[in-house]
Amino acid sequence: MPARACVSATVTVPSDKHAVGKTLLHDVALKARRDPGCLRFVVYENKEKEGHFSINEEWENDTFLQDHLKLDHVVTVFSEIEKIGGKIDNTWCRAIV
C-alpha cells in the first residue's frame, strides 16, 4: 500500500491583508476537503502574528496530492496569495506511523 502523502505549509501575507488571506484559505480548505483522496485539510491562524497561517494536509497517496495541486481552486489560491504579497512554503512529507 502506498504511503500517505502529507503537506505542512506555512502561509504568510502582509498583516494588512490578514482578512483576505484568511478568506482565501478558508475557501480553499472547504473545496480541498471534497477533493478525491483528501483525508485531512486544516488551516490554522496564528493567534499572535497577523498574516501567519499553517496548513496541514493528509492525502491517501501522492497521486491524489499531485492531482489536487493541479485543480483550479488550488492554482487560483496560490496565485491570489502571491498577488497580495504573500508566500506559501510547503514541506512535503509522508506518514511513517
N, C-alpha and C. Protein backbone atom coordinates (compact mmCIF):
# COMPACT_ATOMS: atom_id res chain seq x y z
N MET A 1 0.84 -1.18 0.00
CA MET A 1 0.00 0.00 0.00
C MET A 1 0.89 1.25 0.00
N PRO A 2 0.65 2.19 -0.92
CA PRO A 2 1.46 3.42 -0.95
C PRO A 2 1.30 4.22 0.33
N ALA A 3 2.37 4.89 0.71
CA ALA A 3 2.35 5.72 1.92
C ALA A 3 1.44 6.93 1.72
N ARG A 4 0.81 7.33 2.80
CA ARG A 4 0.02 8.55 2.74
C ARG A 4 0.94 9.73 2.48
N ALA A 5 0.43 10.69 1.72
CA ALA A 5 1.19 11.90 1.42
C ALA A 5 0.68 13.02 2.32
N CYS A 6 1.61 13.79 2.83
CA CYS A 6 1.25 14.88 3.75
C CYS A 6 1.95 16.16 3.32
N VAL A 7 1.32 17.27 3.63
CA VAL A 7 1.91 18.58 3.39
C VAL A 7 1.72 19.40 4.66
N SER A 8 2.79 20.04 5.07
CA SER A 8 2.73 21.02 6.14
C SER A 8 3.16 22.33 5.51
N ALA A 9 2.26 23.29 5.48
CA ALA A 9 2.56 24.55 4.79
C ALA A 9 2.49 25.72 5.76
N THR A 10 3.36 26.68 5.52
CA THR A 10 3.32 27.96 6.22
C THR A 10 2.95 29.01 5.19
N VAL A 11 1.92 29.77 5.49
CA VAL A 11 1.46 30.83 4.60
C VAL A 11 1.60 32.16 5.33
N THR A 12 2.25 33.09 4.67
CA THR A 12 2.37 34.44 5.24
C THR A 12 1.85 35.45 4.22
N VAL A 13 1.11 36.40 4.74
CA VAL A 13 0.63 37.52 3.93
C VAL A 13 0.90 38.79 4.74
N PRO A 14 0.97 39.94 4.07
CA PRO A 14 1.14 41.17 4.84
C PRO A 14 0.03 41.30 5.89
N SER A 15 0.37 41.82 7.06
CA SER A 15 -0.60 41.88 8.16
C SER A 15 -1.87 42.64 7.77
N ASP A 16 -1.74 43.64 6.90
CA ASP A 16 -2.93 44.38 6.49
C ASP A 16 -3.80 43.60 5.50
N LYS A 17 -3.32 42.44 5.06
CA LYS A 17 -4.08 41.56 4.15
C LYS A 17 -4.53 40.29 4.87
N HIS A 18 -4.44 40.29 6.21
CA HIS A 18 -4.79 39.12 7.00
C HIS A 18 -6.19 38.60 6.68
N ALA A 19 -7.17 39.49 6.67
CA ALA A 19 -8.56 39.08 6.43
C ALA A 19 -8.72 38.46 5.04
N VAL A 20 -8.04 39.04 4.05
CA VAL A 20 -8.11 38.49 2.68
C VAL A 20 -7.49 37.11 2.65
N GLY A 21 -6.30 36.97 3.26
CA GLY A 21 -5.64 35.66 3.31
C GLY A 21 -6.49 34.63 4.02
N LYS A 22 -7.10 35.03 5.12
CA LYS A 22 -7.95 34.12 5.89
C LYS A 22 -9.12 33.63 5.04
N THR A 23 -9.74 34.53 4.32
CA THR A 23 -10.87 34.15 3.46
C THR A 23 -10.42 33.21 2.35
N LEU A 24 -9.30 33.52 1.70
CA LEU A 24 -8.79 32.66 0.63
C LEU A 24 -8.51 31.25 1.15
N LEU A 25 -7.87 31.15 2.30
CA LEU A 25 -7.51 29.84 2.84
C LEU A 25 -8.74 29.09 3.35
N HIS A 26 -9.68 29.80 3.92
CA HIS A 26 -10.94 29.18 4.35
C HIS A 26 -11.64 28.55 3.15
N ASP A 27 -11.76 29.33 2.08
CA ASP A 27 -12.48 28.86 0.90
C ASP A 27 -11.79 27.66 0.25
N VAL A 28 -10.45 27.71 0.14
CA VAL A 28 -9.75 26.59 -0.49
C VAL A 28 -9.83 25.34 0.38
N ALA A 29 -9.83 25.50 1.69
CA ALA A 29 -9.94 24.35 2.58
C ALA A 29 -11.28 23.63 2.38
N LEU A 30 -12.36 24.39 2.30
CA LEU A 30 -13.67 23.77 2.11
C LEU A 30 -13.72 22.98 0.80
N LYS A 31 -13.12 23.53 -0.24
CA LYS A 31 -13.10 22.84 -1.54
C LYS A 31 -12.16 21.64 -1.51
N ALA A 32 -10.99 21.80 -0.92
CA ALA A 32 -9.99 20.73 -0.90
C ALA A 32 -10.50 19.51 -0.14
N ARG A 33 -11.26 19.73 0.89
CA ARG A 33 -11.79 18.60 1.68
C ARG A 33 -12.70 17.70 0.85
N ARG A 34 -13.20 18.22 -0.26
CA ARG A 34 -14.05 17.42 -1.16
C ARG A 34 -13.24 16.79 -2.29
N ASP A 35 -11.95 17.12 -2.39
CA ASP A 35 -11.13 16.56 -3.46
C ASP A 35 -10.90 15.07 -3.22
N PRO A 36 -10.86 14.29 -4.30
CA PRO A 36 -10.61 12.86 -4.14
C PRO A 36 -9.29 12.60 -3.40
N GLY A 37 -9.35 11.68 -2.46
CA GLY A 37 -8.15 11.27 -1.73
C GLY A 37 -7.80 12.12 -0.53
N CYS A 38 -8.53 13.21 -0.30
CA CYS A 38 -8.23 14.08 0.85
C CYS A 38 -8.71 13.43 2.13
N LEU A 39 -7.80 13.24 3.05
CA LEU A 39 -8.13 12.69 4.36
C LEU A 39 -8.22 13.78 5.43
N ARG A 40 -7.45 14.87 5.21
CA ARG A 40 -7.41 15.95 6.20
C ARG A 40 -6.89 17.21 5.51
N PHE A 41 -7.54 18.32 5.77
CA PHE A 41 -7.09 19.62 5.28
C PHE A 41 -7.53 20.65 6.31
N VAL A 42 -6.59 21.11 7.12
CA VAL A 42 -6.91 22.02 8.22
C VAL A 42 -6.03 23.26 8.10
N VAL A 43 -6.67 24.41 8.22
CA VAL A 43 -5.95 25.68 8.21
C VAL A 43 -5.99 26.26 9.62
N TYR A 44 -4.82 26.67 10.09
CA TYR A 44 -4.69 27.30 11.40
C TYR A 44 -4.26 28.75 11.23
N GLU A 45 -4.81 29.59 12.08
CA GLU A 45 -4.47 31.01 12.10
C GLU A 45 -3.58 31.25 13.32
N ASN A 46 -2.45 31.89 13.12
CA ASN A 46 -1.56 32.22 14.23
C ASN A 46 -2.24 33.28 15.11
N LYS A 47 -2.40 32.98 16.37
CA LYS A 47 -3.10 33.90 17.29
C LYS A 47 -2.25 35.12 17.65
N GLU A 48 -0.93 35.02 17.43
CA GLU A 48 -0.04 36.08 17.86
C GLU A 48 0.52 36.93 16.73
N LYS A 49 0.43 36.43 15.50
CA LYS A 49 1.00 37.17 14.36
C LYS A 49 -0.03 37.27 13.24
N GLU A 50 -0.50 38.47 13.01
CA GLU A 50 -1.43 38.69 11.90
C GLU A 50 -0.75 38.34 10.58
N GLY A 51 -1.48 37.67 9.73
CA GLY A 51 -0.95 37.33 8.42
C GLY A 51 -0.17 36.03 8.37
N HIS A 52 -0.15 35.27 9.46
CA HIS A 52 0.57 33.99 9.51
C HIS A 52 -0.43 32.85 9.72
N PHE A 53 -0.31 31.86 8.84
CA PHE A 53 -1.21 30.71 8.86
C PHE A 53 -0.40 29.43 8.68
N SER A 54 -0.97 28.32 9.12
CA SER A 54 -0.40 27.00 8.89
C SER A 54 -1.47 26.11 8.28
N ILE A 55 -1.05 25.24 7.39
CA ILE A 55 -1.97 24.28 6.79
C ILE A 55 -1.38 22.88 6.99
N ASN A 56 -2.24 21.96 7.40
CA ASN A 56 -1.84 20.55 7.49
C ASN A 56 -2.78 19.74 6.61
N GLU A 57 -2.18 19.00 5.70
CA GLU A 57 -2.95 18.19 4.76
C GLU A 57 -2.49 16.75 4.84
N GLU A 58 -3.43 15.83 4.63
CA GLU A 58 -3.08 14.42 4.51
C GLU A 58 -3.90 13.83 3.37
N TRP A 59 -3.21 13.08 2.53
CA TRP A 59 -3.81 12.50 1.33
C TRP A 59 -3.60 11.00 1.32
N GLU A 60 -4.51 10.28 0.69
CA GLU A 60 -4.40 8.82 0.64
C GLU A 60 -3.06 8.38 0.07
N ASN A 61 -2.58 9.11 -0.93
CA ASN A 61 -1.26 8.82 -1.51
C ASN A 61 -0.80 10.02 -2.33
N ASP A 62 0.40 9.93 -2.85
CA ASP A 62 0.99 11.06 -3.58
C ASP A 62 0.25 11.37 -4.88
N THR A 63 -0.34 10.38 -5.50
CA THR A 63 -1.08 10.62 -6.74
C THR A 63 -2.25 11.57 -6.48
N PHE A 64 -3.01 11.31 -5.42
CA PHE A 64 -4.12 12.20 -5.08
C PHE A 64 -3.62 13.61 -4.76
N LEU A 65 -2.52 13.71 -4.04
CA LEU A 65 -1.95 15.03 -3.72
C LEU A 65 -1.55 15.77 -4.99
N GLN A 66 -0.85 15.10 -5.89
CA GLN A 66 -0.41 15.74 -7.12
C GLN A 66 -1.59 16.17 -7.99
N ASP A 67 -2.64 15.35 -8.02
CA ASP A 67 -3.85 15.72 -8.76
C ASP A 67 -4.51 16.95 -8.14
N HIS A 68 -4.55 17.00 -6.82
CA HIS A 68 -5.12 18.15 -6.10
C HIS A 68 -4.40 19.44 -6.46
N LEU A 69 -3.08 19.39 -6.54
CA LEU A 69 -2.29 20.59 -6.83
C LEU A 69 -2.57 21.19 -8.20
N LYS A 70 -3.16 20.41 -9.09
CA LYS A 70 -3.46 20.88 -10.45
C LYS A 70 -4.88 21.46 -10.59
N LEU A 71 -5.68 21.31 -9.57
CA LEU A 71 -7.07 21.76 -9.64
C LEU A 71 -7.17 23.29 -9.60
N ASP A 72 -8.19 23.82 -10.27
CA ASP A 72 -8.35 25.27 -10.39
C ASP A 72 -8.37 25.99 -9.05
N HIS A 73 -9.07 25.45 -8.06
CA HIS A 73 -9.16 26.17 -6.79
C HIS A 73 -7.81 26.25 -6.07
N VAL A 74 -6.93 25.29 -6.32
CA VAL A 74 -5.60 25.33 -5.71
C VAL A 74 -4.69 26.29 -6.47
N VAL A 75 -4.69 26.17 -7.77
CA VAL A 75 -3.88 27.07 -8.60
C VAL A 75 -4.29 28.52 -8.35
N THR A 76 -5.59 28.75 -8.24
CA THR A 76 -6.11 30.10 -8.01
C THR A 76 -5.65 30.64 -6.66
N VAL A 77 -5.73 29.85 -5.59
CA VAL A 77 -5.35 30.37 -4.28
C VAL A 77 -3.86 30.67 -4.22
N PHE A 78 -3.03 29.84 -4.86
CA PHE A 78 -1.59 30.15 -4.91
C PHE A 78 -1.38 31.51 -5.58
N SER A 79 -2.07 31.73 -6.69
CA SER A 79 -1.94 32.98 -7.44
C SER A 79 -2.45 34.17 -6.63
N GLU A 80 -3.60 34.02 -5.98
CA GLU A 80 -4.18 35.11 -5.21
C GLU A 80 -3.32 35.47 -3.99
N ILE A 81 -2.75 34.46 -3.34
CA ILE A 81 -1.85 34.73 -2.21
C ILE A 81 -0.65 35.54 -2.70
N GLU A 82 -0.11 35.15 -3.84
CA GLU A 82 1.04 35.87 -4.41
C GLU A 82 0.65 37.31 -4.76
N LYS A 83 -0.53 37.51 -5.33
CA LYS A 83 -0.99 38.85 -5.73
C LYS A 83 -1.09 39.82 -4.56
N ILE A 84 -1.39 39.31 -3.37
CA ILE A 84 -1.50 40.20 -2.21
C ILE A 84 -0.18 40.30 -1.45
N GLY A 85 0.89 39.79 -2.06
CA GLY A 85 2.21 39.90 -1.45
C GLY A 85 2.53 38.78 -0.48
N GLY A 86 1.81 37.68 -0.59
CA GLY A 86 2.01 36.56 0.32
C GLY A 86 2.94 35.50 -0.23
N LYS A 87 3.20 34.52 0.60
CA LYS A 87 4.12 33.44 0.25
C LYS A 87 3.63 32.14 0.90
N ILE A 88 3.78 31.04 0.16
CA ILE A 88 3.43 29.72 0.67
C ILE A 88 4.70 28.87 0.64
N ASP A 89 5.07 28.35 1.80
CA ASP A 89 6.21 27.44 1.91
C ASP A 89 5.68 26.07 2.29
N ASN A 90 5.87 25.10 1.39
CA ASN A 90 5.39 23.74 1.61
C ASN A 90 6.52 22.84 2.07
N THR A 91 6.21 21.96 3.00
CA THR A 91 7.09 20.87 3.38
C THR A 91 6.36 19.60 2.99
N TRP A 92 6.96 18.84 2.10
CA TRP A 92 6.34 17.61 1.58
C TRP A 92 6.76 16.47 2.49
N CYS A 93 5.78 15.71 2.97
CA CYS A 93 6.04 14.67 3.97
C CYS A 93 5.35 13.38 3.58
N ARG A 94 5.69 12.33 4.31
CA ARG A 94 4.92 11.08 4.22
C ARG A 94 4.80 10.53 5.63
N ALA A 95 3.67 9.94 5.90
CA ALA A 95 3.43 9.40 7.23
C ALA A 95 4.31 8.18 7.46
N ILE A 96 4.86 8.06 8.65
CA ILE A 96 5.66 6.88 8.98
C ILE A 96 4.99 6.01 10.04
N VAL A 97 3.97 6.54 10.67
CA VAL A 97 3.23 5.76 11.67
C VAL A 97 1.77 5.88 11.40
